[in-house]
């Protein structure tokens, strides 16, 4: 399910499936999905209209804190 979301949806239409973050996460796009009653988030970047590899995919809990540590 998560792999399908990444490769079939986000990779083909990254602007449609994500929301661009602001502030200290500016330039990062995040998409959410629910799988097996668990909320997941997928973070990625878009450069020159191309999807940049996934930065982080994890459950919603602690996601943004972990993402901020990752991009520093």
PDB file of N, CA and C in Angstrom:
ATOM      1  N   UNK A   1       0.814  -1.200   0.000  1.00  0.00           N
ATOM      2  CA  UNK A   1       0.000   0.000   0.000  1.00  0.00           C
ATOM      3  C   UNK A   1       0.861   1.269   0.000  1.00  0.00           C
ATOM      4  N   UNK A   2       1.831   1.350   0.924  1.00  0.00           N
ATOM      5  CA  UNK A   2       2.676   2.537   0.980  1.00  0.00           C
ATOM      6  C   UNK A   2       3.544   2.621  -0.267  1.00  0.00           C
ATOM      7  N   UNK A   3       4.097   1.492  -0.685  1.00  0.00           N
ATOM      8  CA  UNK A   3       4.923   1.465  -1.895  1.00  0.00           C
ATOM      9  C   UNK A   3       4.094   1.869  -3.111  1.00  0.00           C
ATOM     10  N   UNK A   4       2.875   1.378  -3.202  1.00  0.00           N
ATOM     11  CA  UNK A   4       1.987   1.763  -4.305  1.00  0.00           C
ATOM     12  C   UNK A   4       1.756   3.266  -4.303  1.00  0.00           C
ATOM     13  N   UNK A   5       1.523   3.830  -3.122  1.00  0.00           N
ATOM     14  CA  UNK A   5       1.264   5.267  -3.016  1.00  0.00           C
ATOM     15  C   UNK A   5       2.468   6.060  -3.520  1.00  0.00           C
ATOM     16  N   UNK A   6       3.658   5.620  -3.141  1.00  0.00           N
ATOM     17  CA  UNK A   6       4.871   6.325  -3.545  1.00  0.00           C
ATOM     18  C   UNK A   6       5.088   6.233  -5.050  1.00  0.00           C
ATOM     19  N   UNK A   7       5.055   5.024  -5.579  1.00  0.00           N
ATOM     20  CA  UNK A   7       5.433   4.820  -6.982  1.00  0.00           C
ATOM     21  C   UNK A   7       4.311   5.076  -7.978  1.00  0.00           C
ATOM     22  N   UNK A   8       3.082   4.845  -7.603  1.00  0.00           N
ATOM     23  CA  UNK A   8       1.988   5.006  -8.558  1.00  0.00           C
ATOM     24  C   UNK A   8       1.313   6.365  -8.465  1.00  0.00           C
ATOM     25  N   UNK A   9       1.314   6.968  -7.311  1.00  0.00           N
ATOM     26  CA  UNK A   9       0.612   8.237  -7.154  1.00  0.00           C
ATOM     27  C   UNK A   9       1.568   9.418  -7.009  1.00  0.00           C
ATOM     28  N   UNK A  10       2.375   9.402  -5.980  1.00  0.00           N
ATOM     29  CA  UNK A  10       3.247  10.544  -5.713  1.00  0.00           C
ATOM     30  C   UNK A  10       4.268  10.750  -6.826  1.00  0.00           C
ATOM     31  N   UNK A  11       4.890   9.689  -7.292  1.00  0.00           N
ATOM     32  CA  UNK A  11       5.918   9.825  -8.335  1.00  0.00           C
ATOM     33  C   UNK A  11       5.342  10.401  -9.627  1.00  0.00           C
ATOM     34  N   UNK A  12       4.101  10.075  -9.938  1.00  0.00           N
ATOM     35  CA  UNK A  12       3.479  10.556 -11.175  1.00  0.00           C
ATOM     36  C   UNK A  12       2.893  11.958 -11.049  1.00  0.00           C
ATOM     37  N   UNK A  13       2.380  12.295  -9.888  1.00  0.00           N
ATOM     38  CA  UNK A  13       1.756  13.608  -9.687  1.00  0.00           C
ATOM     39  C   UNK A  13       2.102  14.134  -8.290  1.00  0.00           C
ATOM     40  N   UNK A  14       3.364  14.509  -8.063  1.00  0.00           N
ATOM     41  CA  UNK A  14       3.782  14.913  -6.715  1.00  0.00           C
ATOM     42  C   UNK A  14       3.068  16.144  -6.172  1.00  0.00           C
ATOM     43  N   UNK A  15       2.654  17.057  -7.054  1.00  0.00           N
ATOM     44  CA  UNK A  15       1.966  18.260  -6.587  1.00  0.00           C
ATOM     45  C   UNK A  15       0.545  17.947  -6.136  1.00  0.00           C
ATOM     46  N   UNK A  16      -0.066  16.960  -6.736  1.00  0.00           N
ATOM     47  CA  UNK A  16      -1.454  16.599  -6.422  1.00  0.00           C
ATOM     48  C   UNK A  16      -1.575  15.903  -5.062  1.00  0.00           C
ATOM     49  N   UNK A  17      -0.636  15.040  -4.731  1.00  0.00           N
ATOM     50  CA  UNK A  17      -0.768  14.175  -3.563  1.00  0.00           C
ATOM     51  C   UNK A  17      -0.144  14.720  -2.299  1.00  0.00           C
ATOM     52  N   UNK A  18       0.577  15.821  -2.388  1.00  0.00           N
ATOM     53  CA  UNK A  18       1.238  16.333  -1.194  1.00  0.00           C
ATOM     54  C   UNK A  18       0.895  17.772  -0.895  1.00  0.00           C
ATOM     55  N   UNK A  19       1.359  18.208   0.251  1.00  0.00           N
ATOM     56  CA  UNK A  19       1.206  19.591   0.682  1.00  0.00           C
ATOM     57  C   UNK A  19       2.603  20.123   0.967  1.00  0.00           C
ATOM     58  N   UNK A  20       2.922  21.292   0.396  1.00  0.00           N
ATOM     59  CA  UNK A  20       4.239  21.878   0.635  1.00  0.00           C
ATOM     60  C   UNK A  20       4.254  22.526   2.011  1.00  0.00           C
ATOM     61  N   UNK A  21       5.259  22.190   2.784  1.00  0.00           N
ATOM     62  CA  UNK A  21       5.385  22.714   4.132  1.00  0.00           C
ATOM     63  C   UNK A  21       6.000  24.114   4.082  1.00  0.00           C
ATOM     64  N   UNK A  22       5.828  24.851   5.154  1.00  0.00           N
ATOM     65  CA  UNK A  22       6.323  26.220   5.270  1.00  0.00           C
ATOM     66  C   UNK A  22       7.313  26.306   6.427  1.00  0.00           C
ATOM     67  N   UNK A  23       7.897  27.456   6.614  1.00  0.00           N
ATOM     68  CA  UNK A  23       8.796  27.696   7.747  1.00  0.00           C
ATOM     69  C   UNK A  23      10.066  26.882   7.667  1.00  0.00           C
ATOM     70  N   UNK A  24      10.435  26.225   8.780  1.00  0.00           N
ATOM     71  CA  UNK A  24      11.690  25.480   8.807  1.00  0.00           C
ATOM     72  C   UNK A  24      11.646  24.207   7.971  1.00  0.00           C
ATOM     73  N   UNK A  25      10.480  23.846   7.436  1.00  0.00           N
ATOM     74  CA  UNK A  25      10.360  22.691   6.531  1.00  0.00           C
ATOM     75  C   UNK A  25      10.046  23.134   5.095  1.00  0.00           C
ATOM     76  N   UNK A  26      10.281  24.398   4.791  1.00  0.00           N
ATOM     77  CA  UNK A  26      10.004  24.918   3.447  1.00  0.00           C
ATOM     78  C   UNK A  26      10.746  24.089   2.399  1.00  0.00           C
ATOM     79  N   UNK A  27      10.067  23.777   1.325  1.00  0.00           N
ATOM     80  CA  UNK A  27      10.657  22.985   0.245  1.00  0.00           C
ATOM     81  C   UNK A  27      10.408  21.491   0.394  1.00  0.00           C
ATOM     82  N   UNK A  28       9.869  21.089   1.527  1.00  0.00           N
ATOM     83  CA  UNK A  28       9.544  19.683   1.774  1.00  0.00           C
ATOM     84  C   UNK A  28       8.054  19.487   1.518  1.00  0.00           C
ATOM     85  N   UNK A  29       7.713  18.433   0.831  1.00  0.00           N
ATOM     86  CA  UNK A  29       6.321  18.072   0.578  1.00  0.00           C
ATOM     87  C   UNK A  29       5.975  16.860   1.423  1.00  0.00           C
ATOM     88  N   UNK A  30       4.757  16.845   1.942  1.00  0.00           N
ATOM     89  CA  UNK A  30       4.323  15.741   2.789  1.00  0.00           C
ATOM     90  C   UNK A  30       2.968  15.236   2.315  1.00  0.00           C
ATOM     91  N   UNK A  31       2.861  13.929   2.251  1.00  0.00           N
ATOM     92  CA  UNK A  31       1.610  13.267   1.892  1.00  0.00           C
ATOM     93  C   UNK A  31       1.269  12.286   3.001  1.00  0.00           C
ATOM     94  N   UNK A  32       0.002  12.158   3.293  1.00  0.00           N
ATOM     95  CA  UNK A  32      -0.419  11.239   4.344  1.00  0.00           C
ATOM     96  C   UNK A  32      -1.293  10.126   3.802  1.00  0.00           C
ATOM     97  N   UNK A  33      -1.284   9.022   4.493  1.00  0.00           N
ATOM     98  CA  UNK A  33      -2.162   7.919   4.143  1.00  0.00           C
ATOM     99  C   UNK A  33      -2.438   7.079   5.369  1.00  0.00           C
ATOM    100  N   UNK A  34      -3.498   6.331   5.301  1.00  0.00           N
ATOM    101  CA  UNK A  34      -3.889   5.455   6.395  1.00  0.00           C
ATOM    102  C   UNK A  34      -3.784   4.015   5.904  1.00  0.00           C
ATOM    103  N   UNK A  35      -3.103   3.182   6.671  1.00  0.00           N
ATOM    104  CA  UNK A  35      -2.941   1.772   6.324  1.00  0.00           C
ATOM    105  C   UNK A  35      -3.043   0.947   7.596  1.00  0.00           C
ATOM    106  N   UNK A  36      -3.904  -0.018   7.590  1.00  0.00           N
ATOM    107  CA  UNK A  36      -4.086  -0.893   8.754  1.00  0.00           C
ATOM    108  C   UNK A  36      -4.383  -0.099  10.029  1.00  0.00           C
ATOM    109  N   UNK A  37      -5.229   0.909   9.892  1.00  0.00           N
ATOM    110  CA  UNK A  37      -5.656   1.771  11.006  1.00  0.00           C
ATOM    111  C   UNK A  37      -4.527   2.610  11.607  1.00  0.00           C
ATOM    112  N   UNK A  38      -3.451   2.804  10.848  1.00  0.00           N
ATOM    113  CA  UNK A  38      -2.317   3.619  11.304  1.00  0.00           C
ATOM    114  C   UNK A  38      -2.097   4.740  10.296  1.00  0.00           C
ATOM    115  N   UNK A  39      -1.922   5.960  10.795  1.00  0.00           N
ATOM    116  CA  UNK A  39      -1.640   7.113   9.944  1.00  0.00           C
ATOM    117  C   UNK A  39      -0.142   7.169   9.632  1.00  0.00           C
ATOM    118  N   UNK A  40       0.191   7.277   8.361  1.00  0.00           N
ATOM    119  CA  UNK A  40       1.580   7.393   7.925  1.00  0.00           C
ATOM    120  C   UNK A  40       1.789   8.710   7.201  1.00  0.00           C
ATOM    121  N   UNK A  41       2.997   9.196   7.202  1.00  0.00           N
ATOM    122  CA  UNK A  41       3.380  10.386   6.450  1.00  0.00           C
ATOM    123  C   UNK A  41       4.577  10.029   5.575  1.00  0.00           C
ATOM    124  N   UNK A  42       4.616  10.633   4.399  1.00  0.00           N
ATOM    125  CA  UNK A  42       5.714  10.449   3.458  1.00  0.00           C
ATOM    126  C   UNK A  42       6.236  11.842   3.114  1.00  0.00           C
ATOM    127  N   UNK A  43       7.531  12.073   3.303  1.00  0.00           N
ATOM    128  CA  UNK A  43       8.131  13.371   2.998  1.00  0.00           C
ATOM    129  C   UNK A  43       9.008  13.236   1.763  1.00  0.00           C
ATOM    130  N   UNK A  44       8.918  14.238   0.890  1.00  0.00           N
ATOM    131  CA  UNK A  44       9.722  14.236  -0.336  1.00  0.00           C
ATOM    132  C   UNK A  44       9.950  15.668  -0.791  1.00  0.00           C
ATOM    133  N   UNK A  45      10.820  15.831  -1.768  1.00  0.00           N
ATOM    134  CA  UNK A  45      11.099  17.138  -2.355  1.00  0.00           C
ATOM    135  C   UNK A  45      10.821  17.071  -3.851  1.00  0.00           C
ATOM    136  N   UNK A  46      10.557  18.238  -4.424  1.00  0.00           N
ATOM    137  CA  UNK A  46      10.352  18.343  -5.871  1.00  0.00           C
ATOM    138  C   UNK A  46      11.354  19.378  -6.375  1.00  0.00           C
ATOM    139  N   UNK A  47      12.184  18.986  -7.331  1.00  0.00           N
ATOM    140  CA  UNK A  47      13.152  19.911  -7.919  1.00  0.00           C
ATOM    141  C   UNK A  47      13.031  19.839  -9.429  1.00  0.00           C
ATOM    142  N   UNK A  48      12.874  20.985 -10.061  1.00  0.00           N
ATOM    143  CA  UNK A  48      12.717  21.070 -11.516  1.00  0.00           C
ATOM    144  C   UNK A  48      11.585  20.158 -11.999  1.00  0.00           C
ATOM    145  N   UNK A  49      10.478  20.179 -11.262  1.00  0.00           N
ATOM    146  CA  UNK A  49       9.286  19.383 -11.563  1.00  0.00           C
ATOM    147  C   UNK A  49       9.512  17.882 -11.519  1.00  0.00           C
ATOM    148  N   UNK A  50      10.597  17.454 -10.897  1.00  0.00           N
ATOM    149  CA  UNK A  50      10.864  16.032 -10.745  1.00  0.00           C
ATOM    150  C   UNK A  50      10.861  15.668  -9.265  1.00  0.00           C
ATOM    151  N   UNK A  51      10.326  14.507  -8.973  1.00  0.00           N
ATOM    152  CA  UNK A  51      10.299  14.016  -7.603  1.00  0.00           C
ATOM    153  C   UNK A  51      11.697  13.603  -7.176  1.00  0.00           C
ATOM    154  N   UNK A  52      12.117  14.118  -6.036  1.00  0.00           N
ATOM    155  CA  UNK A  52      13.390  13.722  -5.443  1.00  0.00           C
ATOM    156  C   UNK A  52      13.087  12.554  -4.508  1.00  0.00           C
ATOM    157  N   UNK A  53      13.998  11.604  -4.389  1.00  0.00           N
ATOM    158  CA  UNK A  53      13.721  10.432  -3.558  1.00  0.00           C
ATOM    159  C   UNK A  53      13.133  10.777  -2.188  1.00  0.00           C
ATOM    160  N   UNK A  54      12.397   9.843  -1.682  1.00  0.00           N
ATOM    161  CA  UNK A  54      11.708   9.991  -0.413  1.00  0.00           C
ATOM    162  C   UNK A  54      12.710  10.308   0.701  1.00  0.00           C
ATOM    163  N   UNK A  55      12.384  11.296   1.498  1.00  0.00           N
ATOM    164  CA  UNK A  55      13.237  11.675   2.617  1.00  0.00           C
ATOM    165  C   UNK A  55      12.914  10.856   3.853  1.00  0.00           C
ATOM    166  N   UNK A  56      11.619  10.588   4.071  1.00  0.00           N
ATOM    167  CA  UNK A  56      11.206   9.886   5.267  1.00  0.00           C
ATOM    168  C   UNK A  56       9.801   9.352   5.086  1.00  0.00           C
ATOM    169  N   UNK A  57       9.573   8.159   5.540  1.00  0.00           N
ATOM    170  CA  UNK A  57       8.240   7.563   5.572  1.00  0.00           C
ATOM    171  C   UNK A  57       8.089   6.904   6.934  1.00  0.00           C
ATOM    172  N   UNK A  58       7.090   7.353   7.686  1.00  0.00           N
ATOM    173  CA  UNK A  58       6.952   6.856   9.051  1.00  0.00           C
ATOM    174  C   UNK A  58       5.530   7.115   9.537  1.00  0.00           C
ATOM    175  N   UNK A  59       5.223   6.606  10.716  1.00  0.00           N
ATOM    176  CA  UNK A  59       3.925   6.882  11.310  1.00  0.00           C
ATOM    177  C   UNK A  59       3.854   8.365  11.664  1.00  0.00           C
ATOM    178  N   UNK A  60       2.647   8.846  11.830  1.00  0.00           N
ATOM    179  CA  UNK A  60       2.436  10.268  12.086  1.00  0.00           C
ATOM    180  C   UNK A  60       3.071  10.723  13.392  1.00  0.00           C
ATOM    181  N   UNK A  61       3.045   9.873  14.404  1.00  0.00           N
ATOM    182  CA  UNK A  61       3.570  10.240  15.716  1.00  0.00           C
ATOM    183  C   UNK A  61       5.079  10.505  15.645  1.00  0.00           C
ATOM    184  N   UNK A  62       5.488  11.698  15.961  1.00  0.00           N
ATOM    185  CA  UNK A  62       6.897  12.061  15.963  1.00  0.00           C
ATOM    186  C   UNK A  62       7.491  12.285  14.582  1.00  0.00           C
ATOM    187  N   UNK A  63       6.666  12.221  13.545  1.00  0.00           N
ATOM    188  CA  UNK A  63       7.155  12.335  12.170  1.00  0.00           C
ATOM    189  C   UNK A  63       7.881  13.658  11.913  1.00  0.00           C
ATOM    190  N   UNK A  64       7.246  14.774  12.256  1.00  0.00           N
ATOM    191  CA  UNK A  64       7.821  16.072  11.934  1.00  0.00           C
ATOM    192  C   UNK A  64       9.077  16.358  12.753  1.00  0.00           C
ATOM    193  N   UNK A  65       9.109  15.902  13.976  1.00  0.00           N
ATOM    194  CA  UNK A  65      10.305  16.064  14.808  1.00  0.00           C
ATOM    195  C   UNK A  65      11.473  15.291  14.191  1.00  0.00           C
ATOM    196  N   UNK A  66      11.212  14.081  13.754  1.00  0.00           N
ATOM    197  CA  UNK A  66      12.241  13.261  13.123  1.00  0.00           C
ATOM    198  C   UNK A  66      12.669  13.864  11.783  1.00  0.00           C
ATOM    199  N   UNK A  67      11.719  14.388  11.023  1.00  0.00           N
ATOM    200  CA  UNK A  67      12.028  15.014   9.734  1.00  0.00           C
ATOM    201  C   UNK A  67      12.931  16.225   9.923  1.00  0.00           C
ATOM    202  N   UNK A  68      12.647  17.048  10.915  1.00  0.00           N
ATOM    203  CA  UNK A  68      13.476  18.217  11.168  1.00  0.00           C
ATOM    204  C   UNK A  68      14.904  17.834  11.525  1.00  0.00           C
ATOM    205  N   UNK A  69      15.070  16.775  12.300  1.00  0.00           N
ATOM    206  CA  UNK A  69      16.417  16.287  12.632  1.00  0.00           C
ATOM    207  C   UNK A  69      17.126  15.779  11.384  1.00  0.00           C
ATOM    208  N   UNK A  70      16.401  15.143  10.502  1.00  0.00           N
ATOM    209  CA  UNK A  70      16.960  14.547   9.288  1.00  0.00           C
ATOM    210  C   UNK A  70      17.492  15.611   8.315  1.00  0.00           C
ATOM    211  N   UNK A  71      16.789  16.713   8.187  1.00  0.00           N
ATOM    212  CA  UNK A  71      17.177  17.709   7.171  1.00  0.00           C
ATOM    213  C   UNK A  71      18.185  18.722   7.672  1.00  0.00           C
ATOM    214  N   UNK A  72      18.537  18.695   8.932  1.00  0.00           N
ATOM    215  CA  UNK A  72      19.540  19.647   9.467  1.00  0.00           C
ATOM    216  C   UNK A  72      20.914  19.338   8.955  1.00  0.00           C
TER     217      UNK A  72
END
